[in-house]
Amino acid sequence: MTKLIIQIPCYNEEKTLPLTLNDLPRRIPGVAAIETLIIDDGSTDETVEVARKAGVDHIIRNKCNKGLARSFLAGLDASLRLGADIIVNTDGDNQYQGQDIAKLIAPILRGDADIVIGDRQTGNMSHLSFTRKKLQRIGSFIVRLLSETNVPDAVSGFRAFSRDAAMQMNIVSPFSYTIETIIQAGKKHMAITSVPVGTNLQRRESRLFKSIPQFLERSATTMIRMYTMYQPLRVFFYIGCFFILGGLIPSIRFLIYYFLGQGGGHIQSLILAAIFFIVGFQILMIGLVADVISFNRRLIEDTLLKVKRIELDHLNSNRKK
């Protein structure tokens, strides 16, 4: 008996939420129950009232606007507590075509994937500018390299999670969950795949960022933070080696003049080399410490996962009584 919960983070979506809800499937082969969950992120309009009138099964509310990442995580936690076997996340602006949810969860139902990302095929989206299409392609390529996955549309919010995958998600970024969850999935060796999905006409501009430079800055920060969390030794090793190699240049310069009998006049090269070597060595030491901290974090995450499983199993056993 597979239970699907479709979660929709919302912030002032009173106009578009009815369209999103009407587009959702009522029945899917292989799924016994389909429920909807709205995460209201401190809306100041009638989003909650619209959701209630539309017959949404579950509503959770943030007292103030906490951002998409925290709302997404709150939805995952709530869906797990409600007994979801599969969780689909979609947007409240009706960007994605609801009928594609059946296609989205198919790899999970077959047992082939833990996470499925909807590929919007942004190259065919007419409302996106050439610059945004190019940036999306480059960004997704970088995410694929960092996560060692093969996801063509890294920032797509239309995605499905198995119950086990949802329990392993720990969102730390305040900006967005899209890039972070892919890098986490890749580093935790989850089975992640992608399927092509359709999109509807754009009804409003994105509220995640005010400008493309801001989006690039926040996305780059998220990529660097997440990759460093999972590969700290590699990151600090490269940075440390950069400084050490930089110190070789003035060292060689000094040695050349020294063997020519002019070393006394170029002592500044030796001092500069020493500074580079010291900084590089310190960065390598920081990398070793960060690597140990990373292993401790993984142990904490494993413990948290076990606690979640025990807690959710207890909730399910009480629900069946």
C-alpha atoms as a PDB file:
ATOM      1  CA  MET A   1       0.000   0.000   0.000  1.00  0.00           C
ATOM      2  CA  THR A   2       1.965   2.979  -1.280  1.00  0.00           C
ATOM      3  CA  LYS A   3       1.037   6.401   0.055  1.00  0.00           C
ATOM      4  CA  LEU A   4       1.988   9.486  -1.938  1.00  0.00           C
ATOM      5  CA  ILE A   5       2.011  12.966  -0.436  1.00  0.00           C
ATOM      6  CA  ILE A   6       2.361  15.941  -2.761  1.00  0.00           C
ATOM      7  CA  GLN A   7       3.826  18.869  -0.864  1.00  0.00           C
ATOM      8  CA  ILE A   8       3.568  22.441  -2.092  1.00  0.00           C
ATOM      9  CA  PRO A   9       5.567  25.220  -0.398  1.00  0.00           C
ATOM     10  CA  CYS A  10       3.588  28.453  -0.778  1.00  0.00           C
ATOM     11  CA  TYR A  11       4.155  32.140  -0.223  1.00  0.00           C
ATOM     12  CA  ASN A  12       1.296  34.399  -1.337  1.00  0.00           C
ATOM     13  CA  GLU A  13      -0.009  31.947  -3.931  1.00  0.00           C
ATOM     14  CA  GLU A  14      -3.757  32.626  -3.624  1.00  0.00           C
ATOM     15  CA  LYS A  15      -4.080  33.251  -7.382  1.00  0.00           C
ATOM     16  CA  THR A  16      -2.062  30.321  -8.700  1.00  0.00           C
ATOM     17  CA  LEU A  17      -2.642  27.674  -6.019  1.00  0.00           C
ATOM     18  CA  PRO A  18      -6.106  26.627  -7.334  1.00  0.00           C
ATOM     19  CA  LEU A  19      -4.590  25.986 -10.771  1.00  0.00           C
ATOM     20  CA  THR A  20      -1.804  23.908  -9.211  1.00  0.00           C
ATOM     21  CA  LEU A  21      -4.219  21.838  -7.124  1.00  0.00           C
ATOM     22  CA  ASN A  22      -6.624  21.239 -10.013  1.00  0.00           C
ATOM     23  CA  ASP A  23      -3.732  19.970 -12.112  1.00  0.00           C
ATOM     24  CA  LEU A  24      -2.723  17.270  -9.614  1.00  0.00           C
ATOM     25  CA  PRO A  25      -3.632  13.626 -10.353  1.00  0.00           C
ATOM     26  CA  ARG A  26      -6.304  11.945  -8.265  1.00  0.00           C
ATOM     27  CA  ARG A  27      -5.266   8.388  -9.068  1.00  0.00           C
ATOM     28  CA  ILE A  28      -1.963   6.809 -10.092  1.00  0.00           C
ATOM     29  CA  PRO A  29      -1.466   3.094 -10.826  1.00  0.00           C
ATOM     30  CA  GLY A  30       0.504   1.473  -8.004  1.00  0.00           C
ATOM     31  CA  VAL A  31      -0.410   4.191  -5.496  1.00  0.00           C
ATOM     32  CA  ALA A  32      -3.098   3.431  -2.908  1.00  0.00           C
ATOM     33  CA  ALA A  33      -3.550   6.950  -1.529  1.00  0.00           C
ATOM     34  CA  ILE A  34      -2.694  10.456  -2.733  1.00  0.00           C
ATOM     35  CA  GLU A  35      -2.746  13.350  -0.274  1.00  0.00           C
ATOM     36  CA  THR A  36      -1.785  17.014  -0.562  1.00  0.00           C
ATOM     37  CA  LEU A  37       0.216  19.100   1.903  1.00  0.00           C
ATOM     38  CA  ILE A  38       0.559  22.875   1.846  1.00  0.00           C
ATOM     39  CA  ILE A  39       3.472  24.555   3.637  1.00  0.00           C
ATOM     40  CA  ASP A  40       2.427  28.181   4.061  1.00  0.00           C
ATOM     41  CA  ASP A  41       5.575  30.269   4.485  1.00  0.00           C
ATOM     42  CA  GLY A  42       4.065  33.241   6.311  1.00  0.00           C
ATOM     43  CA  SER A  43       1.749  34.331   3.493  1.00  0.00           C
ATOM     44  CA  THR A  44       0.008  37.685   3.891  1.00  0.00           C
ATOM     45  CA  ASP A  45      -2.768  36.904   1.409  1.00  0.00           C
ATOM     46  CA  GLU A  46      -5.550  34.286   1.400  1.00  0.00           C
ATOM     47  CA  THR A  47      -3.342  31.301   0.496  1.00  0.00           C
ATOM     48  CA  VAL A  48      -4.400  29.221   3.522  1.00  0.00           C
ATOM     49  CA  GLU A  49      -8.108  29.953   3.032  1.00  0.00           C
ATOM     50  CA  VAL A  50      -7.843  29.045  -0.655  1.00  0.00           C
ATOM     51  CA  ALA A  51      -6.120  25.774   0.269  1.00  0.00           C
ATOM     52  CA  ARG A  52      -8.839  24.897   2.785  1.00  0.00           C
ATOM     53  CA  LYS A  53     -11.627  25.623   0.325  1.00  0.00           C
ATOM     54  CA  ALA A  54      -9.886  23.457  -2.257  1.00  0.00           C
ATOM     55  CA  GLY A  55      -9.892  20.505   0.125  1.00  0.00           C
ATOM     56  CA  VAL A  56      -6.156  20.248   0.807  1.00  0.00           C
ATOM     57  CA  ASP A  57      -5.566  17.325   3.170  1.00  0.00           C
ATOM     58  CA  HIS A  58      -2.857  18.881   5.363  1.00  0.00           C
ATOM     59  CA  ILE A  59      -1.743  22.455   6.044  1.00  0.00           C
ATOM     60  CA  ILE A  60       1.240  23.570   8.089  1.00  0.00           C
ATOM     61  CA  ARG A  61       2.059  27.227   8.654  1.00  0.00           C
ATOM     62  CA  ASN A  62       5.174  29.239   9.357  1.00  0.00           C
ATOM     63  CA  LYS A  63       4.392  32.247  11.526  1.00  0.00           C
ATOM     64  CA  CYS A  64       6.820  34.298   9.466  1.00  0.00           C
ATOM     65  CA  ASN A  65       8.564  33.920   6.120  1.00  0.00           C
ATOM     66  CA  LYS A  66      11.431  31.445   6.626  1.00  0.00           C
ATOM     67  CA  GLY A  67      12.391  30.853   3.023  1.00  0.00           C
ATOM     68  CA  LEU A  68      11.946  28.027   0.559  1.00  0.00           C
ATOM     69  CA  ALA A  69      14.652  25.739   1.955  1.00  0.00           C
ATOM     70  CA  ARG A  70      13.223  25.660   5.495  1.00  0.00           C
ATOM     71  CA  SER A  71       9.669  25.282   4.183  1.00  0.00           C
ATOM     72  CA  PHE A  72      10.741  22.381   1.978  1.00  0.00           C
ATOM     73  CA  LEU A  73      12.383  20.624   4.935  1.00  0.00           C
ATOM     74  CA  ALA A  74       9.330  21.228   7.125  1.00  0.00           C
ATOM     75  CA  GLY A  75       7.231  19.607   4.407  1.00  0.00           C
ATOM     76  CA  LEU A  76       9.490  16.552   4.267  1.00  0.00           C
ATOM     77  CA  ASP A  77       9.310  16.106   8.047  1.00  0.00           C
ATOM     78  CA  ALA A  78       5.530  16.500   8.074  1.00  0.00           C
ATOM     79  CA  SER A  79       5.067  14.106   5.142  1.00  0.00           C
ATOM     80  CA  LEU A  80       7.173  11.446   6.854  1.00  0.00           C
ATOM     81  CA  ARG A  81       5.156  11.800  10.060  1.00  0.00           C
ATOM     82  CA  LEU A  82       1.972  11.404   8.016  1.00  0.00           C
ATOM     83  CA  GLY A  83       3.221   8.065   6.728  1.00  0.00           C
ATOM     84  CA  ALA A  84       4.279   8.979   3.188  1.00  0.00           C
ATOM     85  CA  ASP A  85       6.093   6.290   1.200  1.00  0.00           C
ATOM     86  CA  ILE A  86       6.827   8.739  -1.634  1.00  0.00           C
ATOM     87  CA  ILE A  87       6.979  12.526  -1.401  1.00  0.00           C
ATOM     88  CA  VAL A  88       6.632  14.774  -4.440  1.00  0.00           C
ATOM     89  CA  ASN A  89       7.563  18.432  -4.216  1.00  0.00           C
ATOM     90  CA  THR A  90       6.066  20.911  -6.649  1.00  0.00           C
ATOM     91  CA  ASP A  91       5.686  24.693  -6.785  1.00  0.00           C
ATOM     92  CA  GLY A  92       2.586  26.682  -5.953  1.00  0.00           C
ATOM     93  CA  ASP A  93       2.867  28.872  -9.052  1.00  0.00           C
ATOM     94  CA  ASN A  94       1.665  26.038 -11.339  1.00  0.00           C
ATOM     95  CA  GLN A  95       4.990  25.960 -13.168  1.00  0.00           C
ATOM     96  CA  TYR A  96       4.997  22.161 -13.526  1.00  0.00           C
ATOM     97  CA  GLN A  97       2.383  19.963 -15.171  1.00  0.00           C
ATOM     98  CA  GLY A  98       0.730  17.887 -12.467  1.00  0.00           C
ATOM     99  CA  GLN A  99      -0.064  14.937 -14.736  1.00  0.00           C
ATOM    100  CA  ASP A 100       3.675  14.255 -14.964  1.00  0.00           C
ATOM    101  CA  ILE A 101       3.749  13.207 -11.303  1.00  0.00           C
ATOM    102  CA  ALA A 102       2.974   9.650 -12.404  1.00  0.00           C
ATOM    103  CA  LYS A 103       6.035   9.754 -14.648  1.00  0.00           C
ATOM    104  CA  LEU A 104       8.090  11.343 -11.867  1.00  0.00           C
ATOM    105  CA  ILE A 105       7.443   8.636  -9.264  1.00  0.00           C
ATOM    106  CA  ALA A 106       7.641   5.670 -11.669  1.00  0.00           C
ATOM    107  CA  PRO A 107      11.386   4.972 -11.085  1.00  0.00           C
ATOM    108  CA  ILE A 108      10.773   4.956  -7.313  1.00  0.00           C
ATOM    109  CA  LEU A 109       7.801   2.604  -7.635  1.00  0.00           C
ATOM    110  CA  ARG A 110       9.965   0.247  -9.703  1.00  0.00           C
ATOM    111  CA  GLY A 111      12.707   0.402  -7.083  1.00  0.00           C
ATOM    112  CA  ASP A 112      15.194   1.903  -9.533  1.00  0.00           C
ATOM    113  CA  ALA A 113      15.735   5.263  -7.820  1.00  0.00           C
ATOM    114  CA  ASP A 114      15.681   7.026  -4.458  1.00  0.00           C
ATOM    115  CA  ILE A 115      15.288  10.537  -5.902  1.00  0.00           C
ATOM    116  CA  VAL A 116      13.853  11.624  -9.253  1.00  0.00           C
ATOM    117  CA  ILE A 117      14.320  15.145 -10.644  1.00  0.00           C
ATOM    118  CA  GLY A 118      11.945  16.563 -13.229  1.00  0.00           C
ATOM    119  CA  ASP A 119      13.880  17.815 -16.257  1.00  0.00           C
ATOM    120  CA  ARG A 120      12.121  20.913 -17.604  1.00  0.00           C
ATOM    121  CA  GLN A 121      14.276  20.797 -20.764  1.00  0.00           C
ATOM    122  CA  THR A 122      15.012  24.484 -20.309  1.00  0.00           C
ATOM    123  CA  GLY A 123      16.478  24.780 -23.783  1.00  0.00           C
ATOM    124  CA  ASN A 124      12.919  24.550 -25.123  1.00  0.00           C
ATOM    125  CA  MET A 125      11.362  27.034 -22.669  1.00  0.00           C
ATOM    126  CA  SER A 126      10.503  30.124 -24.723  1.00  0.00           C
ATOM    127  CA  HIS A 127      10.062  32.521 -21.777  1.00  0.00           C
ATOM    128  CA  LEU A 128      13.670  32.012 -20.610  1.00  0.00           C
ATOM    129  CA  SER A 129      16.278  34.341 -22.049  1.00  0.00           C
ATOM    130  CA  PHE A 130      19.370  33.035 -23.818  1.00  0.00           C
ATOM    131  CA  THR A 131      21.502  34.143 -20.850  1.00  0.00           C
ATOM    132  CA  ARG A 132      19.388  32.258 -18.302  1.00  0.00           C
ATOM    133  CA  LYS A 133      19.374  29.128 -20.446  1.00  0.00           C
ATOM    134  CA  LYS A 134      23.147  29.276 -20.760  1.00  0.00           C
ATOM    135  CA  LEU A 135      23.639  29.880 -17.037  1.00  0.00           C
ATOM    136  CA  GLN A 136      21.274  27.040 -16.187  1.00  0.00           C
ATOM    137  CA  ARG A 137      23.204  24.680 -18.451  1.00  0.00           C
ATOM    138  CA  ILE A 138      26.558  25.716 -16.973  1.00  0.00           C
ATOM    139  CA  GLY A 139      25.251  25.561 -13.409  1.00  0.00           C
ATOM    140  CA  SER A 140      23.785  22.097 -13.879  1.00  0.00           C
ATOM    141  CA  PHE A 141      27.063  20.929 -15.401  1.00  0.00           C
ATOM    142  CA  ILE A 142      28.986  22.142 -12.333  1.00  0.00           C
ATOM    143  CA  VAL A 143      26.495  20.453  -9.996  1.00  0.00           C
ATOM    144  CA  ARG A 144      26.913  17.197 -11.922  1.00  0.00           C
ATOM    145  CA  LEU A 145      30.681  17.404 -11.468  1.00  0.00           C
ATOM    146  CA  LEU A 146      30.459  18.199  -7.763  1.00  0.00           C
ATOM    147  CA  SER A 147      27.790  15.601  -6.969  1.00  0.00           C
ATOM    148  CA  GLU A 148      28.990  12.920  -9.415  1.00  0.00           C
ATOM    149  CA  THR A 149      25.429  12.521 -10.669  1.00  0.00           C
ATOM    150  CA  ASN A 150      23.787  12.956 -14.058  1.00  0.00           C
ATOM    151  CA  VAL A 151      21.010  15.488 -13.447  1.00  0.00           C
ATOM    152  CA  PRO A 152      20.438  17.811 -16.441  1.00  0.00           C
ATOM    153  CA  ASP A 153      18.199  20.315 -14.597  1.00  0.00           C
ATOM    154  CA  ALA A 154      19.751  20.854 -11.175  1.00  0.00           C
ATOM    155  CA  VAL A 155      17.489  23.703 -10.037  1.00  0.00           C
ATOM    156  CA  SER A 156      14.183  22.050 -10.916  1.00  0.00           C
ATOM    157  CA  GLY A 157      11.868  22.039  -7.900  1.00  0.00           C
ATOM    158  CA  PHE A 158       9.711  19.256  -9.350  1.00  0.00           C
ATOM    159  CA  ARG A 159      11.133  16.147  -7.705  1.00  0.00           C
ATOM    160  CA  ALA A 160      10.184  12.943  -5.926  1.00  0.00           C
ATOM    161  CA  PHE A 161      11.771  11.299  -2.888  1.00  0.00           C
ATOM    162  CA  SER A 162      11.413   7.819  -1.512  1.00  0.00           C
ATOM    163  CA  ARG A 163      10.717   7.586   2.205  1.00  0.00           C
ATOM    164  CA  ASP A 164      14.275   6.496   2.961  1.00  0.00           C
ATOM    165  CA  ALA A 165      15.797   9.278   0.862  1.00  0.00           C
ATOM    166  CA  ALA A 166      13.623  11.919   2.519  1.00  0.00           C
ATOM    167  CA  MET A 167      14.787  10.772   5.954  1.00  0.00           C
ATOM    168  CA  GLN A 168      18.410  11.316   4.925  1.00  0.00           C
ATOM    169  CA  MET A 169      17.955  14.907   3.755  1.00  0.00           C
ATOM    170  CA  ASN A 170      19.514  17.520   6.069  1.00  0.00           C
ATOM    171  CA  ILE A 171      19.123  20.993   4.608  1.00  0.00           C
ATOM    172  CA  VAL A 172      21.564  23.617   5.879  1.00  0.00           C
ATOM    173  CA  SER A 173      21.307  26.257   3.156  1.00  0.00           C
ATOM    174  CA  PRO A 174      18.842  29.113   3.852  1.00  0.00           C
ATOM    175  CA  PHE A 175      18.511  29.900   0.120  1.00  0.00           C
ATOM    176  CA  SER A 176      17.251  26.838  -1.743  1.00  0.00           C
ATOM    177  CA  TYR A 177      17.227  23.087  -1.396  1.00  0.00           C
ATOM    178  CA  THR A 178      17.567  22.149  -5.070  1.00  0.00           C
ATOM    179  CA  ILE A 179      21.351  22.152  -5.466  1.00  0.00           C
ATOM    180  CA  GLU A 180      21.994  21.014  -1.904  1.00  0.00           C
ATOM    181  CA  THR A 181      19.831  17.893  -2.091  1.00  0.00           C
ATOM    182  CA  ILE A 182      21.513  16.748  -5.315  1.00  0.00           C
ATOM    183  CA  ILE A 183      25.019  17.121  -3.876  1.00  0.00           C
ATOM    184  CA  GLN A 184      23.908  15.359  -0.683  1.00  0.00           C
ATOM    185  CA  ALA A 185      22.346  12.527  -2.668  1.00  0.00           C
ATOM    186  CA  GLY A 186      25.486  12.090  -4.740  1.00  0.00           C
ATOM    187  CA  LYS A 187      27.830  12.070  -1.751  1.00  0.00           C
ATOM    188  CA  LYS A 188      25.547   9.668   0.154  1.00  0.00           C
ATOM    189  CA  HIS A 189      25.506   7.343  -2.877  1.00  0.00           C
ATOM    190  CA  MET A 190      21.747   7.451  -3.394  1.00  0.00           C
ATOM    191  CA  ALA A 191      20.251   6.364  -6.678  1.00  0.00           C
ATOM    192  CA  ILE A 192      19.217   9.611  -8.376  1.00  0.00           C
ATOM    193  CA  THR A 193      17.765   9.926 -11.849  1.00  0.00           C
ATOM    194  CA  SER A 194      15.861  12.381 -14.011  1.00  0.00           C
ATOM    195  CA  VAL A 195      12.786  12.257 -16.249  1.00  0.00           C
ATOM    196  CA  PRO A 196      11.532  14.861 -18.761  1.00  0.00           C
ATOM    197  CA  VAL A 197       8.506  16.826 -17.558  1.00  0.00           C
ATOM    198  CA  GLY A 198       6.285  19.489 -19.043  1.00  0.00           C
ATOM    199  CA  THR A 199       5.831  23.053 -17.822  1.00  0.00           C
ATOM    200  CA  ASN A 200       2.945  25.497 -17.968  1.00  0.00           C
ATOM    201  CA  LEU A 201       2.986  29.147 -19.005  1.00  0.00           C
ATOM    202  CA  GLN A 202       4.899  31.390 -16.620  1.00  0.00           C
ATOM    203  CA  ARG A 203       2.478  33.351 -14.441  1.00  0.00           C
ATOM    204  CA  ARG A 204       4.939  35.361 -12.372  1.00  0.00           C
ATOM    205  CA  GLU A 205       8.663  35.987 -11.953  1.00  0.00           C
ATOM    206  CA  SER A 206      10.667  33.900  -9.504  1.00  0.00           C
ATOM    207  CA  ARG A 207      10.747  35.208  -5.925  1.00  0.00           C
ATOM    208  CA  LEU A 208      13.889  33.294  -4.982  1.00  0.00           C
ATOM    209  CA  PHE A 209      16.217  36.018  -6.224  1.00  0.00           C
ATOM    210  CA  LYS A 210      16.010  39.657  -7.247  1.00  0.00           C
ATOM    211  CA  SER A 211      18.640  39.538  -9.967  1.00  0.00           C
ATOM    212  CA  ILE A 212      20.813  37.075 -11.866  1.00  0.00           C
ATOM    213  CA  PRO A 213      24.013  38.192 -10.048  1.00  0.00           C
ATOM    214  CA  GLN A 214      22.323  37.512  -6.710  1.00  0.00           C
ATOM    215  CA  PHE A 215      21.191  34.097  -7.918  1.00  0.00           C
ATOM    216  CA  LEU A 216      24.701  33.257  -9.115  1.00  0.00           C
ATOM    217  CA  GLU A 217      26.240  34.384  -5.827  1.00  0.00           C
ATOM    218  CA  ARG A 218      23.836  32.354  -3.718  1.00  0.00           C
ATOM    219  CA  SER A 219      24.077  29.272  -5.918  1.00  0.00           C
ATOM    220  CA  ALA A 220      27.882  29.386  -5.941  1.00  0.00           C
ATOM    221  CA  THR A 221      27.928  29.766  -2.155  1.00  0.00           C
ATOM    222  CA  THR A 222      25.672  26.737  -1.767  1.00  0.00           C
ATOM    223  CA  MET A 223      27.824  24.628  -4.106  1.00  0.00           C
ATOM    224  CA  ILE A 224      31.048  25.541  -2.332  1.00  0.00           C
ATOM    225  CA  ARG A 225      29.569  25.031   1.134  1.00  0.00           C
ATOM    226  CA  MET A 226      28.065  21.635   0.337  1.00  0.00           C
ATOM    227  CA  TYR A 227      31.096  20.303  -1.516  1.00  0.00           C
ATOM    228  CA  THR A 228      33.381  21.453   1.292  1.00  0.00           C
ATOM    229  CA  MET A 229      31.149  19.718   3.852  1.00  0.00           C
ATOM    230  CA  TYR A 230      31.552  16.380   2.104  1.00  0.00           C
ATOM    231  CA  GLN A 231      35.055  16.744   0.617  1.00  0.00           C
ATOM    232  CA  PRO A 232      36.919  19.104   2.991  1.00  0.00           C
ATOM    233  CA  LEU A 233      40.328  17.478   2.668  1.00  0.00           C
ATOM    234  CA  ARG A 234      40.255  17.694  -1.123  1.00  0.00           C
ATOM    235  CA  VAL A 235      39.202  21.363  -1.063  1.00  0.00           C
ATOM    236  CA  PHE A 236      41.835  22.458   1.453  1.00  0.00           C
ATOM    237  CA  PHE A 237      44.474  20.264  -0.192  1.00  0.00           C
ATOM    238  CA  TYR A 238      44.080  22.103  -3.487  1.00  0.00           C
ATOM    239  CA  ILE A 239      44.115  25.507  -1.792  1.00  0.00           C
ATOM    240  CA  GLY A 240      47.144  24.576   0.307  1.00  0.00           C
ATOM    241  CA  CYS A 241      49.012  23.245  -2.706  1.00  0.00           C
ATOM    242  CA  PHE A 242      48.258  26.483  -4.555  1.00  0.00           C
ATOM    243  CA  PHE A 243      50.071  28.492  -1.857  1.00  0.00           C
ATOM    244  CA  ILE A 244      52.928  26.006  -1.585  1.00  0.00           C
ATOM    245  CA  LEU A 245      53.459  26.041  -5.345  1.00  0.00           C
ATOM    246  CA  GLY A 246      53.228  29.818  -5.213  1.00  0.00           C
ATOM    247  CA  GLY A 247      56.045  29.783  -2.683  1.00  0.00           C
ATOM    248  CA  LEU A 248      58.263  27.832  -5.073  1.00  0.00           C
ATOM    249  CA  ILE A 249      58.451  30.748  -7.514  1.00  0.00           C
ATOM    250  CA  PRO A 250      60.223  33.225  -5.215  1.00  0.00           C
ATOM    251  CA  SER A 251      62.267  30.313  -3.773  1.00  0.00           C
ATOM    252  CA  ILE A 252      63.603  29.417  -7.208  1.00  0.00           C
ATOM    253  CA  ARG A 253      64.205  33.085  -7.943  1.00  0.00           C
ATOM    254  CA  PHE A 254      66.238  33.452  -4.746  1.00  0.00           C
ATOM    255  CA  LEU A 255      68.253  30.275  -5.431  1.00  0.00           C
ATOM    256  CA  ILE A 256      69.108  31.458  -8.924  1.00  0.00           C
ATOM    257  CA  TYR A 257      70.482  34.759  -7.613  1.00  0.00           C
ATOM    258  CA  TYR A 258      72.140  32.958  -4.672  1.00  0.00           C
ATOM    259  CA  PHE A 259      74.172  30.667  -6.944  1.00  0.00           C
ATOM    260  CA  LEU A 260      75.055  33.684  -9.045  1.00  0.00           C
ATOM    261  CA  GLY A 261      76.488  35.248  -5.913  1.00  0.00           C
ATOM    262  CA  GLN A 262      73.744  37.879  -5.601  1.00  0.00           C
ATOM    263  CA  GLY A 263      71.577  36.256  -2.918  1.00  0.00           C
ATOM    264  CA  GLY A 264      72.093  39.026  -0.382  1.00  0.00           C
ATOM    265  CA  GLY A 265      70.115  41.526  -2.437  1.00  0.00           C
ATOM    266  CA  HIS A 266      67.102  39.289  -2.905  1.00  0.00           C
ATOM    267  CA  ILE A 267      66.315  38.188   0.639  1.00  0.00           C
ATOM    268  CA  GLN A 268      62.757  39.514   0.166  1.00  0.00           C
ATOM    269  CA  SER A 269      62.075  36.597  -2.209  1.00  0.00           C
ATOM    270  CA  LEU A 270      63.051  34.180   0.544  1.00  0.00           C
ATOM    271  CA  ILE A 271      60.742  35.916   3.013  1.00  0.00           C
ATOM    272  CA  LEU A 272      57.855  35.844   0.547  1.00  0.00           C
ATOM    273  CA  ALA A 273      58.448  32.139  -0.126  1.00  0.00           C
ATOM    274  CA  ALA A 274      58.464  31.407   3.610  1.00  0.00           C
ATOM    275  CA  ILE A 275      55.126  33.199   4.020  1.00  0.00           C
ATOM    276  CA  PHE A 276      53.566  31.190   1.183  1.00  0.00           C
ATOM    277  CA  PHE A 277      54.917  27.907   2.581  1.00  0.00           C
ATOM    278  CA  ILE A 278      53.641  28.649   6.094  1.00  0.00           C
ATOM    279  CA  VAL A 279      50.182  29.646   4.860  1.00  0.00           C
ATOM    280  CA  GLY A 280      49.995  26.562   2.599  1.00  0.00           C
ATOM    281  CA  PHE A 281      51.020  24.251   5.435  1.00  0.00           C
ATOM    282  CA  GLN A 282      48.443  25.800   7.782  1.00  0.00           C
ATOM    283  CA  ILE A 283      45.706  25.352   5.180  1.00  0.00           C
ATOM    284  CA  LEU A 284      46.657  21.666   4.816  1.00  0.00           C
ATOM    285  CA  MET A 285      46.396  21.279   8.596  1.00  0.00           C
ATOM    286  CA  ILE A 286      42.979  22.957   8.538  1.00  0.00           C
ATOM    287  CA  GLY A 287      41.983  20.433   5.864  1.00  0.00           C
ATOM    288  CA  LEU A 288      42.970  17.529   8.111  1.00  0.00           C
ATOM    289  CA  VAL A 289      40.944  18.950  11.005  1.00  0.00           C
ATOM    290  CA  ALA A 290      37.968  19.614   8.696  1.00  0.00           C
ATOM    291  CA  ASP A 291      38.176  16.037   7.421  1.00  0.00           C
ATOM    292  CA  VAL A 292      37.944  14.683  10.977  1.00  0.00           C
ATOM    293  CA  ILE A 293      34.980  16.996  11.640  1.00  0.00           C
ATOM    294  CA  SER A 294      33.368  15.719   8.435  1.00  0.00           C
ATOM    295  CA  PHE A 295      33.601  12.129   9.646  1.00  0.00           C
ATOM    296  CA  ASN A 296      32.044  13.160  12.960  1.00  0.00           C
ATOM    297  CA  ARG A 297      29.216  14.887  11.102  1.00  0.00           C
ATOM    298  CA  ARG A 298      28.550  11.696   9.150  1.00  0.00           C
ATOM    299  CA  LEU A 299      28.355   9.740  12.398  1.00  0.00           C
ATOM    300  CA  ILE A 300      25.886  12.308  13.744  1.00  0.00           C
ATOM    301  CA  GLU A 301      23.818  12.064  10.547  1.00  0.00           C
ATOM    302  CA  ASP A 302      23.770   8.257  10.820  1.00  0.00           C
ATOM    303  CA  THR A 303      22.608   8.545  14.424  1.00  0.00           C
ATOM    304  CA  LEU A 304      19.939  11.079  13.444  1.00  0.00           C
ATOM    305  CA  LEU A 305      18.719   8.760  10.689  1.00  0.00           C
ATOM    306  CA  LYS A 306      18.363   5.867  13.139  1.00  0.00           C
ATOM    307  CA  VAL A 307      16.473   8.081  15.587  1.00  0.00           C
ATOM    308  CA  LYS A 308      14.134   9.223  12.797  1.00  0.00           C
ATOM    309  CA  ARG A 309      13.442   5.631  11.787  1.00  0.00           C
ATOM    310  CA  ILE A 310      12.672   4.605  15.353  1.00  0.00           C
ATOM    311  CA  GLU A 311      10.417   7.627  15.851  1.00  0.00           C
ATOM    312  CA  LEU A 312       8.539   7.137  12.581  1.00  0.00           C
ATOM    313  CA  ASP A 313       8.151   3.387  13.137  1.00  0.00           C
ATOM    314  CA  HIS A 314       6.651   4.185  16.546  1.00  0.00           C
ATOM    315  CA  LEU A 315       4.239   6.671  14.968  1.00  0.00           C
ATOM    316  CA  ASN A 316       3.193   4.154  12.320  1.00  0.00           C
ATOM    317  CA  SER A 317       2.637   1.398  14.883  1.00  0.00           C
ATOM    318  CA  ASN A 318       0.434   3.743  16.949  1.00  0.00           C
ATOM    319  CA  ARG A 319      -1.467   4.767  13.810  1.00  0.00           C
ATOM    320  CA  LYS A 320      -2.293   1.134  13.026  1.00  0.00           C
ATOM    321  CA  LYS A 321      -3.651   0.405  16.512  1.00  0.00           C
END
